[in-house]
Amino acid sequence: MTKFEKRTAAAGVEHRAGEGVRTLVGYASVFNSPADIGGWFTEVIAPGAFSLQLGADVRALVDHDSGRVIGRTKSGTLRLSEDAKGLKVEIDVPNTTDGNDLWELVERGDVNSMSFGFRVLKETWDETVDPPLRTVHEVELMEVSAVAWPAYEDTELGKRSLQQWREANKVEEPIIPEITNSAAASDNQAAANLKRRLSMDLDLKVRAKR
């Protein structure tokens, strides 16, 4: 699965200020929290899904816009960690137009959600339930974002992922050989030969009695 997907956590985002640093704190993902993906399937993120990504070079963005960077793990202005709840995010908001605007919007309550962009590396599907359940076990984390709309995007990509899973795990139907005309003709010929031999044996026995 190589497609880029985005998800938004149900948890809110807080803001903290002190010693000249403004920090946004929240969860970009909440573990084991079922999410309805457009009615096509239910999705949960398994604990540990981000464990291999905590040391990666990840950006913090505004609304998944790559041109609006507000933090980065490499510079230390974005910090990621996993706890029992999910993927915790801390962003030291910059003194830029985007940073100042975002801080004001969070303070007013206009922006109150966090999200993350990812590629699925390991997943399982359970189709014994309706709708199917997708469990994401491992991801490549591309970015985290502060977002205004706590919606689940890219439903189409999720549908494609389900279809790929079904094709990869398809159970092949057993091949049942058909009786062809030539096979039937062969069986008929064998029966005719047996009948002719039995007739010849009976005729010989009759002659022997005479």
Foldseek 3Di string as FASTA:
>chain_A
DFDKFKAWAPWWWDWDDDPHWIKIKIAQFWAPDWDQLVQQEIEGEHPPQCVVPQPPWAFEAAPPDPVGTFAIVVVPQWHWDQDNTHIMIMGGGDPDPSSVVVVVCVVVVQFIIKMWMWAADDWDWDVVDPNIYIYGHYIHTHYMYGYRDNDGDDSVVVVVVVVVVCVVPPDDDDDDDDCDPVNVVVVVVVVVVVVVVVVVVVVVVVVVVD
